[in-house]
């Protein structure tokens, strides 16, 4: 079966989020730290800044340093999504193409003709199923998104069967 695929930023972001959460331990830890840890650190350092300022009633070095640390963690948290958007904008033209799904594997041909990718189902390490997509992980540093909206219910069952028989589900 052949489907035309293109990935929006929201789909790219969700794929990256799932990829980070289901990849290596260090990648998962970094994602949790950026997504949840940094906002907590912003609140803690902001409170510390307020308490230090209330205690000293002046802006001394401790107040300024704690304020700057809280600003840094706030910036770093939002810089992640900004960097992801820039990455998407650079790669968006490479995410449009034709995907061919067969009992042996999948092939993705870029519309701009710069590259083709072939994976056998047995060459994929893990996969996830979400209501809007199948997400296949051929290795620890990449993922392939198979959109469900382009597949009929029978085709989705067929792809699910191929993935289930050759790859362990996450």
Protein backbone atom coordinates (compact mmCIF):
# COMPACT_ATOMS: atom_id res chain seq x y z
CA UNK A 1 0.00 0.00 0.00
CA UNK A 2 1.22 3.48 -0.84
CA UNK A 3 0.33 6.65 1.03
CA UNK A 4 1.29 10.27 0.60
CA UNK A 5 2.72 11.67 3.83
CA UNK A 6 3.56 15.11 5.16
CA UNK A 7 4.22 16.06 8.76
CA UNK A 8 2.92 19.20 10.45
CA UNK A 9 4.76 20.85 13.33
CA UNK A 10 2.23 19.46 15.85
CA UNK A 11 2.80 15.94 14.53
CA UNK A 12 6.57 16.47 14.55
CA UNK A 13 6.45 17.78 18.11
CA UNK A 14 4.32 14.83 19.30
CA UNK A 15 6.62 12.38 17.51
CA UNK A 16 9.67 13.93 19.17
CA UNK A 17 7.98 13.89 22.57
CA UNK A 18 7.13 10.21 22.24
CA UNK A 19 10.59 9.50 20.83
CA UNK A 20 12.26 11.16 23.83
CA UNK A 21 10.05 9.32 26.30
CA UNK A 22 10.65 5.93 24.65
CA UNK A 23 14.30 6.19 23.72
CA UNK A 24 17.42 5.92 25.85
CA UNK A 25 17.36 6.54 29.59
CA UNK A 26 19.48 9.70 29.31
CA UNK A 27 17.23 11.14 26.59
CA UNK A 28 14.14 10.40 28.71
CA UNK A 29 15.77 11.97 31.79
CA UNK A 30 16.75 15.11 29.87
CA UNK A 31 13.24 15.47 28.46
CA UNK A 32 11.66 15.16 31.92
CA UNK A 33 14.19 17.62 33.32
CA UNK A 34 13.50 20.21 30.62
CA UNK A 35 9.75 19.72 30.55
CA UNK A 36 9.00 19.36 34.28
CA UNK A 37 12.20 20.01 36.25
CA UNK A 38 13.04 23.42 34.84
CA UNK A 39 9.64 24.99 35.68
CA UNK A 40 9.98 23.64 39.23
CA UNK A 41 13.46 25.13 39.47
CA UNK A 42 12.13 28.47 38.17
CA UNK A 43 9.56 28.54 40.97
CA UNK A 44 12.12 27.52 43.63
CA UNK A 45 14.74 30.06 42.60
CA UNK A 46 12.09 32.77 42.23
CA UNK A 47 10.84 32.08 45.76
CA UNK A 48 14.41 32.06 47.04
CA UNK A 49 14.99 35.41 45.31
CA UNK A 50 11.88 36.87 46.95
CA UNK A 51 12.80 35.57 50.41
CA UNK A 52 16.38 36.83 50.12
CA UNK A 53 15.17 40.24 49.00
CA UNK A 54 12.61 40.43 51.81
CA UNK A 55 15.29 39.49 54.34
CA UNK A 56 17.90 41.96 53.11
CA UNK A 57 15.56 44.68 51.78
CA UNK A 58 18.11 45.39 49.06
CA UNK A 59 19.44 43.89 45.87
CA UNK A 60 22.66 42.22 46.89
CA UNK A 61 24.66 39.63 44.92
CA UNK A 62 22.65 36.64 46.25
CA UNK A 63 19.36 38.15 45.13
CA UNK A 64 20.70 39.00 41.68
CA UNK A 65 22.31 35.57 41.18
CA UNK A 66 19.15 33.70 42.20
CA UNK A 67 17.05 35.92 39.97
CA UNK A 68 19.38 35.29 37.01
CA UNK A 69 19.34 31.53 37.64
CA UNK A 70 15.53 31.50 37.64
CA UNK A 71 15.49 33.53 34.40
CA UNK A 72 17.97 31.07 32.86
CA UNK A 73 15.80 28.03 33.69
CA UNK A 74 12.73 29.81 32.31
CA UNK A 75 14.61 30.66 29.11
CA UNK A 76 15.97 27.10 28.80
CA UNK A 77 12.49 25.57 29.14
CA UNK A 78 11.08 27.66 26.31
CA UNK A 79 14.25 27.44 24.21
CA UNK A 80 13.58 23.70 23.82
CA UNK A 81 10.33 24.26 21.91
CA UNK A 82 11.92 27.09 19.93
CA UNK A 83 14.82 24.83 18.90
CA UNK A 84 12.39 22.07 17.97
CA UNK A 85 10.42 24.50 15.77
CA UNK A 86 13.64 25.61 14.02
CA UNK A 87 14.60 21.98 13.46
CA UNK A 88 11.16 21.31 11.96
CA UNK A 89 11.39 24.37 9.68
CA UNK A 90 14.77 23.18 8.37
CA UNK A 91 13.57 19.61 7.82
CA UNK A 92 9.93 20.14 6.79
CA UNK A 93 10.65 19.77 3.07
CA UNK A 94 12.24 16.37 3.82
CA UNK A 95 9.11 15.09 5.58
CA UNK A 96 6.89 15.18 2.51
CA UNK A 97 6.82 12.16 0.28
CA UNK A 98 5.45 8.73 -0.46
CA UNK A 99 5.50 5.85 2.01
CA UNK A 100 5.17 2.30 0.76
CA UNK A 101 4.15 -0.33 3.32
CA UNK A 102 4.62 -4.01 2.45
CA UNK A 103 4.68 -7.27 4.44
CA UNK A 104 8.50 -7.07 4.47
CA UNK A 105 8.88 -3.45 5.60
CA UNK A 106 8.45 0.19 4.71
CA UNK A 107 10.00 2.57 2.23
CA UNK A 108 9.88 6.35 2.38
CA UNK A 109 10.71 8.37 -0.72
CA UNK A 110 11.12 12.10 -0.25
CA UNK A 111 9.18 14.25 -2.65
CA UNK A 112 12.22 16.46 -3.24
CA UNK A 113 14.20 13.35 -4.28
CA UNK A 114 17.10 13.88 -1.89
CA UNK A 115 16.90 10.45 -0.23
CA UNK A 116 14.97 7.25 0.19
CA UNK A 117 14.77 5.19 3.36
CA UNK A 118 14.09 1.46 3.54
CA UNK A 119 13.35 -0.46 6.76
CA UNK A 120 12.42 -4.08 7.20
CA UNK A 121 9.94 -4.74 9.99
CA UNK A 122 12.50 -6.96 11.73
CA UNK A 123 15.04 -4.10 11.58
CA UNK A 124 12.81 -1.89 13.73
CA UNK A 125 13.65 -2.07 17.44
CA UNK A 126 10.32 -0.92 18.95
CA UNK A 127 7.02 0.63 18.00
CA UNK A 128 4.15 2.53 19.59
CA UNK A 129 0.57 2.91 18.57
CA UNK A 130 -1.37 6.09 19.22
CA UNK A 131 -4.85 7.03 17.97
CA UNK A 132 -3.37 9.19 15.21
CA UNK A 133 -0.21 7.25 14.27
CA UNK A 134 2.11 4.30 14.49
CA UNK A 135 5.58 5.34 15.64
CA UNK A 136 8.41 3.00 14.69
CA UNK A 137 11.88 3.28 16.25
CA UNK A 138 14.53 1.85 13.90
CA UNK A 139 17.28 2.81 16.36
CA UNK A 140 18.06 4.92 19.40
CA UNK A 141 18.32 8.20 17.45
CA UNK A 142 15.43 8.15 14.97
CA UNK A 143 11.75 7.47 14.50
CA UNK A 144 9.37 6.92 11.61
CA UNK A 145 5.79 8.18 11.84
CA UNK A 146 3.14 6.17 9.98
CA UNK A 147 -0.04 8.28 9.90
CA UNK A 148 -3.26 6.38 10.53
CA UNK A 149 -5.49 8.95 8.84
CA UNK A 150 -4.11 7.87 5.45
CA UNK A 151 -4.89 4.19 6.11
CA UNK A 152 -8.22 2.39 6.13
CA UNK A 153 -9.19 0.33 9.15
CA UNK A 154 -8.20 -2.90 7.40
CA UNK A 155 -4.84 -1.42 6.37
CA UNK A 156 -4.22 -0.29 9.96
CA UNK A 157 -4.88 -3.85 11.15
CA UNK A 158 -2.51 -5.15 8.50
CA UNK A 159 0.30 -2.76 9.54
CA UNK A 160 -0.36 -3.56 13.21
CA UNK A 161 -0.02 -7.25 12.40
CA UNK A 162 3.26 -6.75 10.55
CA UNK A 163 4.68 -4.70 13.41
CA UNK A 164 3.42 -7.12 16.06
CA UNK A 165 4.87 -10.17 14.38
CA UNK A 166 8.34 -8.72 13.81
CA UNK A 167 8.85 -6.11 16.52
CA UNK A 168 8.16 -5.94 20.25
CA UNK A 169 5.70 -3.21 21.22
CA UNK A 170 6.65 -0.56 23.78
